[in-house]
Every structure is written in C-alpha cells, then in structure tokens.
Protein backbone atom coordinates (compact mmCIF):
# COMPACT_ATOMS: atom_id res chain seq x y z
CA MET A 1 -23.29 -1.94 -54.70
CA THR A 2 -19.93 -2.07 -53.63
CA ASP A 3 -19.18 -3.31 -50.00
CA PRO A 4 -18.22 -0.14 -47.76
CA ARG A 5 -16.08 -2.40 -45.90
CA ARG A 6 -13.73 -2.24 -49.05
CA ALA A 7 -12.73 1.52 -48.22
CA ILE A 8 -11.50 0.62 -44.86
CA PRO A 9 -7.60 1.53 -44.92
CA ARG A 10 -5.42 -1.17 -45.41
CA THR A 11 -3.19 -2.04 -41.89
CA ASP A 12 0.06 -1.21 -44.13
CA ARG A 13 -1.15 2.51 -45.02
CA LEU A 14 -2.43 2.74 -41.21
CA LEU A 15 1.06 2.03 -40.05
CA ALA A 16 2.46 4.60 -42.03
CA LEU A 17 0.44 7.24 -40.48
CA PRO A 18 2.37 10.31 -39.07
CA ALA A 19 0.56 9.35 -35.71
CA VAL A 20 1.86 6.01 -35.69
CA GLU A 21 5.39 7.00 -36.41
CA ARG A 22 5.42 9.30 -33.21
CA ALA A 23 3.59 6.58 -31.21
CA ARG A 24 6.27 4.04 -31.63
CA GLU A 25 8.63 6.36 -29.66
CA ARG A 26 6.65 5.37 -26.44
CA LEU A 27 4.53 2.10 -27.43
CA ALA A 28 5.47 -1.45 -28.55
CA GLU A 29 4.88 -2.15 -32.43
CA ASN A 30 2.07 -4.95 -30.91
CA VAL A 31 0.43 -2.31 -29.16
CA ILE A 32 0.09 -0.22 -32.32
CA ARG A 33 -1.00 -2.95 -34.25
CA VAL A 34 -3.92 -4.03 -31.87
CA VAL A 35 -5.04 -0.24 -31.40
CA ILE A 36 -5.09 -0.25 -35.60
CA ALA A 37 -7.02 -3.80 -35.55
CA GLU A 38 -9.72 -2.16 -32.94
CA ALA A 39 -10.14 0.63 -35.21
CA GLN A 40 -10.59 -1.75 -38.06
CA GLY A 41 -12.91 -3.78 -36.56
CA ALA A 42 -15.16 -1.38 -35.25
CA ALA A 43 -15.69 0.01 -39.17
CA ARG A 44 -16.32 -3.41 -40.30
CA ARG A 45 -19.34 -3.95 -37.40
CA GLY A 46 -20.61 -0.52 -38.97
CA GLU A 47 -19.72 1.32 -35.74
CA LEU A 48 -17.43 3.69 -37.54
CA GLU A 49 -17.13 5.11 -40.76
CA PRO A 50 -14.16 3.58 -43.23
CA ASP A 51 -13.07 7.26 -43.35
CA GLY A 52 -12.83 7.82 -39.67
CA VAL A 53 -10.58 4.71 -39.19
CA ALA A 54 -7.47 6.74 -39.27
CA ASP A 55 -8.48 9.44 -37.24
CA ARG A 56 -9.61 6.84 -34.70
CA VAL A 57 -6.25 5.49 -34.47
CA ALA A 58 -4.55 8.63 -34.17
CA ALA A 59 -7.01 9.71 -31.61
CA ASP A 60 -6.32 6.30 -29.61
CA LEU A 61 -2.67 6.23 -29.92
CA ALA A 62 -2.36 9.52 -28.52
CA THR A 63 -4.55 8.68 -25.16
CA ARG A 64 -2.60 5.21 -25.04
CA GLY A 65 -0.34 5.09 -22.08
CA SER A 66 2.23 2.54 -21.63
CA SER A 67 0.26 0.96 -18.55
CA THR A 68 -3.24 0.14 -18.04
CA LEU A 69 -3.32 1.61 -14.51
CA ARG A 70 -5.06 4.99 -14.04
CA PRO A 71 -4.24 7.65 -11.93
CA VAL A 72 -7.12 8.48 -9.35
CA LEU A 73 -8.13 11.07 -7.06
CA ASN A 74 -9.07 9.48 -3.77
CA ALA A 75 -11.95 11.64 -2.44
CA THR A 76 -13.19 8.76 -0.31
CA GLY A 77 -11.63 10.04 2.89
CA VAL A 78 -9.88 6.70 3.53
CA VAL A 79 -6.12 7.55 3.71
CA VAL A 80 -4.24 4.09 3.30
CA HIS A 81 -6.72 2.51 0.71
CA THR A 82 -5.82 -0.97 -0.41
CA ASN A 83 -7.52 -0.84 -3.65
CA LEU A 84 -5.83 2.59 -4.69
CA GLY A 85 -2.29 0.78 -3.94
CA ARG A 86 -2.34 1.93 -0.27
CA ALA A 87 0.18 4.63 0.31
CA PRO A 88 0.99 7.50 -2.43
CA LEU A 89 4.20 8.37 -2.19
CA SER A 90 6.02 11.40 -1.30
CA ALA A 91 7.94 13.68 -4.09
CA ALA A 92 11.02 12.67 -2.42
CA ALA A 93 10.53 9.08 -3.03
CA VAL A 94 8.96 9.83 -6.84
CA ASP A 95 12.60 11.26 -7.27
CA ALA A 96 14.11 8.66 -5.91
CA LEU A 97 12.48 6.28 -8.13
CA LEU A 98 13.47 8.21 -11.06
CA ALA A 99 16.96 8.34 -10.00
CA ALA A 100 17.25 4.64 -9.29
CA SER A 101 15.34 3.57 -12.57
CA GLY A 102 18.67 3.45 -14.23
CA TYR A 103 22.05 2.14 -13.02
CA VAL A 104 22.64 2.76 -9.55
CA ASP A 105 25.17 1.51 -6.66
CA VAL A 106 22.70 -0.91 -5.02
CA GLU A 107 25.13 -3.79 -4.31
CA LEU A 108 28.52 -1.71 -5.33
CA ASP A 109 31.11 0.19 -3.17
CA LEU A 110 31.95 3.01 -5.85
CA ARG A 111 35.21 3.98 -3.69
CA THR A 112 36.63 0.60 -3.95
CA GLY A 113 34.91 -0.53 -7.15
CA THR A 114 33.95 -3.82 -4.99
CA ARG A 115 30.40 -5.38 -4.31
CA SER A 116 28.66 -4.17 -1.15
CA LYS A 117 25.74 -4.98 0.77
CA ARG A 118 22.28 -4.16 -0.66
CA GLY A 119 20.16 -1.55 0.75
CA LEU A 120 22.61 -0.02 2.98
CA GLY A 121 20.96 3.32 2.61
CA ALA A 122 17.49 2.17 3.53
CA ARG A 123 18.83 0.34 6.61
CA ALA A 124 21.06 3.52 7.81
CA ALA A 125 17.69 5.37 7.48
CA LEU A 126 15.61 3.00 9.39
CA LEU A 127 17.90 2.73 12.23
CA ALA A 128 18.14 6.47 12.41
CA ALA A 129 14.50 6.77 12.66
CA CYS A 130 14.02 3.99 15.17
CA PRO A 131 17.11 3.71 17.33
CA ALA A 132 15.45 1.23 19.57
CA ALA A 133 16.73 -1.24 16.74
CA ASP A 134 19.94 -2.74 16.29
CA GLU A 135 19.53 -3.97 13.23
CA ALA A 136 17.08 -3.52 10.04
CA LEU A 137 16.30 -5.64 6.92
CA VAL A 138 13.95 -4.71 3.99
CA VAL A 139 11.85 -7.38 2.10
CA ASN A 140 9.41 -7.19 -0.66
CA ASN A 141 6.01 -6.59 1.68
CA GLY A 142 5.00 -7.31 4.95
CA ALA A 143 4.11 -11.00 4.55
CA ALA A 144 7.26 -11.72 3.26
CA ALA A 145 8.54 -9.94 6.64
CA LEU A 146 6.33 -12.73 8.79
CA VAL A 147 7.28 -15.50 6.34
CA LEU A 148 11.08 -15.13 6.71
CA ALA A 149 10.75 -14.79 10.12
CA THR A 150 8.69 -17.64 11.06
CA THR A 151 10.75 -19.93 8.63
CA ALA A 152 14.08 -18.83 9.75
CA LEU A 153 13.21 -19.39 13.37
CA ALA A 154 10.69 -22.16 13.36
CA ALA A 155 10.44 -24.24 10.48
CA GLY A 156 9.75 -27.68 11.31
CA ARG A 157 9.10 -26.63 14.85
CA GLU A 158 6.54 -24.38 16.77
CA VAL A 159 5.34 -20.94 16.54
CA VAL A 160 3.39 -20.57 19.90
CA VAL A 161 0.61 -17.65 19.07
CA SER A 162 -2.48 -16.66 20.76
CA ARG A 163 -6.28 -17.86 19.25
CA GLY A 164 -7.25 -14.47 19.28
CA GLU A 165 -4.41 -13.29 16.89
CA LEU A 166 -5.24 -15.78 14.21
CA ILE A 167 -6.46 -13.37 12.22
CA GLU A 168 -8.23 -13.00 8.24
CA ILE A 169 -7.33 -9.98 6.08
CA GLY A 170 -8.44 -8.51 3.14
CA ALA A 171 -9.05 -10.80 0.12
CA GLY A 172 -9.18 -13.99 2.30
CA PHE A 173 -5.89 -13.81 3.46
CA ARG A 174 -5.55 -15.88 6.57
CA LEU A 175 -2.29 -15.88 9.01
CA PRO A 176 -2.77 -19.40 9.97
CA ASP A 177 -2.28 -20.32 6.21
CA LEU A 178 0.55 -17.70 6.05
CA ILE A 179 2.49 -19.60 8.89
CA ALA A 180 1.55 -23.11 7.85
CA SER A 181 2.98 -22.31 4.43
CA THR A 182 6.45 -21.87 5.95
CA GLY A 183 6.83 -25.60 7.19
CA ALA A 184 6.21 -24.02 10.87
CA ARG A 185 3.44 -25.67 13.32
CA LEU A 186 0.99 -23.42 15.04
CA ARG A 187 0.73 -23.91 18.62
CA GLU A 188 -2.32 -22.07 19.59
CA VAL A 189 -3.12 -21.20 23.22
CA GLY A 190 -5.79 -19.10 25.16
CA THR A 191 -9.06 -18.65 23.58
CA THR A 192 -10.59 -16.28 21.21
CA ASN A 193 -11.43 -13.45 24.00
CA ARG A 194 -8.97 -14.27 26.63
CA THR A 195 -5.30 -15.37 26.75
CA HIS A 196 -3.12 -15.14 29.73
CA LEU A 197 0.86 -15.45 30.39
CA ARG A 198 0.58 -18.83 32.00
CA ASP A 199 -0.90 -19.99 28.43
CA TYR A 200 2.23 -19.06 26.75
CA ALA A 201 4.54 -20.48 29.72
CA ASP A 202 2.87 -23.68 29.43
CA ALA A 203 3.25 -24.14 25.90
CA ILE A 204 6.80 -23.55 25.42
CA GLY A 205 8.92 -26.50 24.97
CA PRO A 206 11.84 -27.91 23.32
CA ASP A 207 10.04 -27.79 20.08
CA THR A 208 9.37 -23.92 20.31
CA GLY A 209 10.93 -21.88 17.42
CA CYS A 210 9.27 -18.40 18.64
CA LEU A 211 6.56 -16.80 20.12
CA LEU A 212 4.38 -14.61 17.95
CA LYS A 213 2.27 -11.66 18.81
CA VAL A 214 -0.01 -10.23 15.91
CA HIS A 215 -1.69 -6.77 16.12
CA PRO A 216 -5.21 -7.31 14.92
CA SER A 217 -5.16 -4.35 12.55
CA ASN A 218 -8.77 -4.36 11.34
CA PHE A 219 -10.90 -5.33 14.12
CA ARG A 220 -11.55 -5.34 18.00
CA VAL A 221 -12.48 -7.63 20.28
CA GLU A 222 -14.57 -5.72 23.33
CA GLY A 223 -15.64 -6.93 26.32
CA PHE A 224 -14.82 -9.77 28.43
CA THR A 225 -11.43 -9.85 27.49
CA SER A 226 -7.81 -10.26 28.27
CA GLY A 227 -4.34 -10.34 26.60
CA VAL A 228 -0.50 -10.40 27.28
CA SER A 229 1.48 -7.11 26.39
CA VAL A 230 4.90 -7.41 24.95
CA ALA A 231 6.26 -6.21 28.06
CA GLU A 232 4.43 -8.95 29.82
CA LEU A 233 5.46 -11.59 27.45
CA ALA A 234 9.25 -10.64 26.96
CA PRO A 235 10.68 -11.68 30.22
CA LEU A 236 9.30 -15.04 29.87
CA ALA A 237 10.43 -15.19 26.42
CA ALA A 238 14.04 -14.23 27.47
CA GLU A 239 13.98 -16.88 30.47
CA ARG A 240 13.09 -19.60 28.26
CA GLY A 241 15.48 -18.48 25.64
CA VAL A 242 12.84 -18.32 22.91
CA PRO A 243 12.82 -15.24 20.40
CA LEU A 244 9.69 -13.02 20.59
CA ILE A 245 8.43 -11.63 17.37
CA VAL A 246 5.72 -8.91 17.08
CA ASP A 247 3.84 -8.25 13.94
CA LEU A 248 2.81 -4.62 13.68
CA GLY A 249 1.56 -4.88 10.60
CA SER A 250 0.33 -0.85 9.71
CA GLY A 251 4.08 0.20 10.28
CA LEU A 252 4.53 3.09 12.43
CA LEU A 253 8.17 3.68 13.31
CA ALA A 254 7.49 5.82 16.71
CA PRO A 255 4.21 6.87 18.68
CA ASP A 256 1.27 9.01 17.03
CA PRO A 257 -0.58 10.96 19.11
CA LEU A 258 -3.60 10.65 17.06
CA LEU A 259 -3.47 6.75 17.10
CA PRO A 260 -3.02 6.00 20.65
CA ASP A 261 -3.93 2.50 20.37
CA GLU A 262 -1.78 1.73 17.21
CA PRO A 263 1.64 0.01 18.35
CA ASP A 264 4.74 1.37 16.70
CA ALA A 265 8.22 -0.31 16.38
CA ALA A 266 10.05 1.79 18.84
CA THR A 267 7.83 0.97 22.01
CA THR A 268 7.16 -2.58 20.97
CA LEU A 269 11.23 -2.85 20.95
CA ALA A 270 11.49 -0.70 23.98
CA ALA A 271 9.26 -3.23 25.52
CA GLY A 272 11.25 -6.45 24.96
CA ALA A 273 10.45 -7.54 21.61
CA ASP A 274 13.30 -9.41 19.66
CA ALA A 275 11.92 -8.17 16.25
CA VAL A 276 9.13 -6.71 14.71
CA THR A 277 7.67 -7.09 11.11
CA ALA A 278 5.27 -4.34 9.32
CA SER A 279 4.59 -3.02 5.97
CA GLY A 280 6.26 -0.06 4.47
CA ASP A 281 3.05 1.26 2.56
CA LYS A 282 0.60 1.78 4.99
CA LEU A 283 1.18 4.36 8.18
CA LEU A 284 4.84 4.76 7.07
CA GLY A 285 3.60 6.35 3.62
CA GLY A 286 6.43 4.69 1.43
CA PRO A 287 6.43 1.85 -1.33
CA GLN A 288 5.55 -1.75 -0.91
CA ALA A 289 7.88 -3.24 1.53
CA GLY A 290 8.54 -5.41 4.22
CA ILE A 291 10.24 -3.83 7.27
CA LEU A 292 12.05 -5.96 9.94
CA LEU A 293 13.60 -4.51 12.78
CA GLY A 294 15.36 -5.72 16.09
CA ARG A 295 17.83 -7.36 17.88
CA SER A 296 21.14 -7.68 15.66
CA GLU A 297 21.28 -11.48 16.61
CA ILE A 298 18.03 -12.16 15.11
CA VAL A 299 17.66 -9.79 12.12
CA THR A 300 20.95 -11.04 11.21
CA ARG A 301 19.98 -14.77 11.24
CA LEU A 302 16.85 -13.72 9.23
CA ALA A 303 19.08 -11.92 6.39
CA ARG A 304 21.40 -14.78 6.06
CA HIS A 305 18.48 -17.42 5.69
CA PRO A 306 18.45 -18.73 2.02
CA LEU A 307 14.56 -17.41 1.83
CA ALA A 308 15.86 -13.75 2.34
CA ARG A 309 17.48 -13.94 -1.43
CA ALA A 310 13.69 -14.87 -2.67
CA VAL A 311 11.93 -12.01 -1.00
CA ARG A 312 14.61 -9.21 -0.82
CA ALA A 313 13.30 -6.02 -2.17
CA ASP A 314 14.35 -4.21 -5.55
CA LYS A 315 16.60 -1.25 -5.83
CA LEU A 316 13.24 1.04 -6.63
CA ALA A 317 11.47 0.11 -3.33
CA LEU A 318 14.62 0.83 -1.56
CA ALA A 319 15.32 3.83 -2.66
CA ALA A 320 11.73 4.89 -2.52
CA LEU A 321 11.60 3.86 1.23
CA GLU A 322 14.86 5.48 2.35
CA ALA A 323 13.69 8.66 0.81
CA THR A 324 10.16 8.29 2.38
CA VAL A 325 12.01 7.91 6.03
CA THR A 326 14.51 10.78 5.53
CA GLY A 327 12.06 13.12 3.36
CA ALA A 328 9.53 15.42 4.54
CA ALA A 329 6.39 14.26 5.76
CA PRO A 330 4.85 12.18 3.21
CA PRO A 331 1.17 11.97 2.01
CA VAL A 332 -0.28 9.69 4.33
CA THR A 333 0.80 11.62 7.13
CA VAL A 334 -0.40 15.05 6.00
CA ALA A 335 -3.90 13.35 5.21
CA LEU A 336 -3.93 11.86 8.62
CA HIS A 337 -3.24 14.84 10.32
CA ALA A 338 -5.12 17.13 8.12
CA ASP A 339 -6.89 20.34 9.68
CA PRO A 340 -10.70 20.18 10.11
CA ALA A 341 -11.18 23.71 9.47
CA ARG A 342 -9.03 24.10 6.19
CA LEU A 343 -10.87 20.90 5.04
CA ARG A 344 -13.80 22.68 5.25
CA GLU A 345 -12.76 25.65 3.20
CA ARG A 346 -11.94 23.42 0.50
CA VAL A 347 -15.15 21.68 0.61
CA GLU A 348 -17.05 24.65 0.67
CA ARG A 349 -15.47 26.03 -2.58
CA LEU A 350 -16.07 22.78 -4.18
CA ALA A 351 -19.81 22.74 -3.04
CA GLU A 352 -20.13 26.18 -4.34
CA ALA A 353 -18.95 25.52 -7.62
CA VAL A 354 -21.19 22.37 -8.15
CA ASP A 355 -24.34 23.19 -5.86
CA GLY A 356 -23.70 20.88 -3.57
CA THR A 357 -24.29 20.32 0.11
CA VAL A 358 -21.46 20.50 2.78
CA VAL A 359 -21.52 17.50 5.28
CA ALA A 360 -19.54 16.64 8.35
CA HIS A 361 -17.65 13.26 7.11
CA ASP A 362 -15.23 11.22 9.30
CA GLY A 363 -12.30 9.74 7.26
CA ARG A 364 -10.83 6.68 8.28
CA VAL A 365 -7.04 5.17 8.40
CA GLY A 366 -7.78 2.44 6.22
CA GLY A 367 -5.28 -0.71 5.48
CA GLY A 368 -6.03 -2.26 8.62
CA GLY A 369 -4.63 0.63 10.87
CA ALA A 370 -6.46 2.11 13.66
CA PRO A 371 -9.91 0.42 13.41
CA GLY A 372 -12.73 2.47 14.31
CA VAL A 373 -10.87 5.95 14.60
CA PRO A 374 -12.70 8.55 13.21
CA LEU A 375 -10.66 11.39 11.06
CA PRO A 376 -13.19 14.45 11.49
CA GLY A 377 -13.91 16.19 8.32
CA TRP A 378 -15.99 17.35 5.75
CA ALA A 379 -17.55 16.27 2.13
CA VAL A 380 -19.74 17.35 -0.29
CA ARG A 381 -22.86 15.58 -1.02
CA LEU A 382 -24.05 14.87 -4.33
CA PRO A 383 -26.80 12.56 -5.73
CA ALA A 384 -25.47 8.93 -6.10
CA ALA A 385 -25.77 8.85 -9.50
CA ALA A 386 -22.50 11.30 -9.90
CA ALA A 387 -20.42 8.41 -8.33
CA PRO A 388 -19.97 6.23 -11.65
CA LEU A 389 -19.50 9.71 -13.64
CA LEU A 390 -16.82 10.53 -11.32
CA ARG A 391 -15.23 7.17 -11.54
CA SER A 392 -15.21 7.11 -15.35
CA GLY A 393 -14.72 10.82 -16.03
CA HIS A 394 -11.00 12.35 -16.75
CA PRO A 395 -9.35 12.65 -14.15
CA ALA A 396 -11.01 9.47 -12.19
CA VAL A 397 -12.41 10.45 -8.82
CA LEU A 398 -13.33 7.76 -6.59
CA PRO A 399 -15.80 8.89 -4.01
CA ARG A 400 -17.45 7.21 -1.34
CA VAL A 401 -21.23 6.08 -1.89
CA HIS A 402 -23.12 5.90 1.56
CA ASP A 403 -26.53 5.74 2.60
CA GLY A 404 -27.83 6.15 -1.09
CA VAL A 405 -25.63 9.49 -1.44
CA CYS A 406 -22.41 10.04 -3.16
CA LEU A 407 -19.66 11.97 -0.58
CA VAL A 408 -16.52 13.70 -1.86
CA ASP A 409 -14.04 14.22 0.49
CA PRO A 410 -10.79 15.92 -0.28
CA ARG A 411 -8.60 14.86 2.74
CA CYS A 412 -6.61 12.50 0.25
CA VAL A 413 -6.52 14.86 -2.39
CA PRO A 414 -3.57 17.22 -2.26
CA GLU A 415 -4.69 20.77 -2.38
CA SER A 416 -2.64 21.45 -5.56
CA GLU A 417 -5.06 19.18 -7.16
CA ASP A 418 -8.19 21.01 -6.08
CA GLY A 419 -8.79 22.39 -9.53
CA ARG A 420 -8.70 19.29 -11.30
CA LEU A 421 -10.96 17.79 -8.42
CA THR A 422 -13.44 20.64 -9.03
CA ALA A 423 -13.75 20.20 -12.64
CA ALA A 424 -14.00 16.66 -12.47
CA VAL A 425 -17.01 17.03 -10.19
CA VAL A 426 -18.19 19.86 -12.13
CA ALA A 427 -18.37 18.05 -15.35
CA ALA A 428 -19.99 14.83 -13.64
CA VAL A 429 -22.64 16.97 -12.25
CA ASP A 430 -23.47 18.76 -15.55
CA ARG A 431 -24.15 15.10 -16.88
CA LEU A 432 -26.77 13.98 -14.49
C-alpha cells in the first residue's frame, strides 16, 4: 500500500498558492513557511487529510495577524487592567499614533531646518493641563521617572523615605530594590504605621540627596496610623535645601471628585513638592509613559542627566500622550464616570439576549489607583463555565469569575461594541 503521507503537498507547491502570494503583502516569508510546516505536520500525524493541507494553509494565513496580541473586550469592570495593557487609548491618541508612525518632526524645527528639543508638543500639553508645574519631562514609564529622579538627585547619597511607603506592587516589583539599583542609599524613617515630621528632620544631613514621598497605591493602612503630608514636609525640605519628590503613581493631573483620596499633580505641586512622578497609562488614560512635573530647576536637572537619554520616550508615546491630554475624555475617564442607570440599560439588553440574570456589581479603578473605592454598576450573571468560552471566543471577552459565577460587566466596553459583546456572549452560552 502507498503511504498516504506521500500525498502531502510539497512546500514549493504550497508556496505558489494564490493565498500565499496575497499573504506576502503583510507577512514575512519565515512566518508563511511556519504556517505551511504546521499544516504539513498535522497531515503527517494523521490529524489532517493530505488533500486538506492547502485549504488549511490558506485559512491559517487569512487569519494570521502580524502580531500575536489579541484585542480583548474588557468585561471585568476593572478600568485600568494591568494584564490587558492598562489604559485603552482614545480615538485622538490612535490617530496621533498613526500620524507619528512615519517620518515626523520629533526633533526638528521645520521652520529653520535645524534640530529642536524632543517632545515639545507633549511638554506644552502637560504644562497647559497642569499650570502648577514650571517644567515637564516625559520618559518611557513611571518606574523610569522615579529611577531618573533618585539617580540624578541622590546617586551615592541618601533618599529619605517613610518605612510605611516602601511598597511592593504587582509582579513582585519592590520600591526599595528599584531605588537601591540607582546607587542611592535608603534612609528609612518612622515605622510601618506611624511617621512624624521630626523623623524626617532628624534624618536629614549632609549626605541627603532628596526626600521622597510615595503614594501607597494599591493598599491602605488604617487604624493607629499617622503620616506627614506634602504641605507639612515641604517647608522642612525648603529650609534644609533638600528636594522633595513625590511619586503619585496613578497619574491624575487635577483633582477628580470621584476619587477624593487619590493624589493629583496640581494639588501636590501647589502644596510644595519640587517634582512629582506619575504613569501615563493609568488614570491619565494615555500610553505607557513616565511623567515628571515640577520646578524648572529640578526637572531640567533631571533632563540633563545622562540616564535621561536611556529612558526617553519614543515618538509614538509622545504623540499619543499629547493627544490624550489635549483631546476629548479618554476611555478610562469615560468608564470611571459611567452612569449606573445607563449601564443597567445595557446590561438588561445583554441579559435578555442570553437569558441571564442582572446583578449589582461594583467596578474598580485598578492599576493601583483608589484602592477600595467602588464604582457602582451592573453585570450579567452566567454559569462559571461560560468564562473560558468567552476568553477563547472571537472576539475574546474577559469576564470576572467570582464566587463560582461568571460576571459580564460592560463598564469598560465602549457602547459601540455592544453588538459584538452580545454576539460573543450568545455564542459562549450556546456552547454550554
């Protein structure tokens, strides 16, 4: 008998398929060859008939994207979802990304034809949005902003910080390790739950590079506690001639009544901080970026440090950040301030389509912002078995699994996507 594997199409014949020719317009040759090899391998293992190899290659190439990242509809109710890339970009930011994808005047003065400073547009947008700042600098993420500040101000010297602010955030990222990596020495003051102004005053000496205050972000210490506010600490820092740096974390530029305990750049600078650091892809709702705002003397000193070149933001981040700050409210802001009544209307339509149950569901800010602050809303309750079907569907939908049930919360799903969300949920429920 003839081995059926002899009927598997040869690679050269598959490479000549019209579907392969079309795929070459968007995929690299090595990617195409991998798809072909996978189809041939399936046929050799008996998982696919030899006469189906060409169709498998054509089908796989048609659905193969240039990136393995898959778009996901965030139905968890968590607005700044780190595992989903934190803040989704606004339409204005997406347009700015596309415009900046080619040649742009990122460091060129078109009027004179000479080199200019990088990121002038983003700088101007940030200063207009936060007039309390004299100067602004954008780097590639929030951790880089803090590293640059402590390196430029305190490498080989001491960073004075409260023990209660030496935090660890997601993925085992520890603030003390980050600061130590800069060559600075931590001078811990106070205790885990109580720090007083005199603790800072006693610690400041000739070897002090800066004072650092860190917003605890994703946890709270309650009960027998005390801390020192920026307004209390600033006069001491000024008297001793030591810079006061405040790491805000979540990136609010101005106060948000919805989040009264979340620090913002404008209020913190007005209280006397010399500089603040923050992330661009959290509550600001922009791309991954580190933002430094503050007194001109301090921010300029950081910008001139050699490390600033290593952590600088690229043209895409600068373009998207500027558009986020100058454009309409980004998706993060829209989701945070979503009307609960409107959310219920959307949830009821979804529940009717799948015969689900409408339940009250509190969303969360996420990304370490405003821990414990509920965002009142609604969700559709489904059996827990629906969750993996939703995650693997097209489009992929990430629900929340809690107390043995699957909850689909549309807070973070744009209303324009409600049709796709409903279709995905219907398809998943039909497979239960």
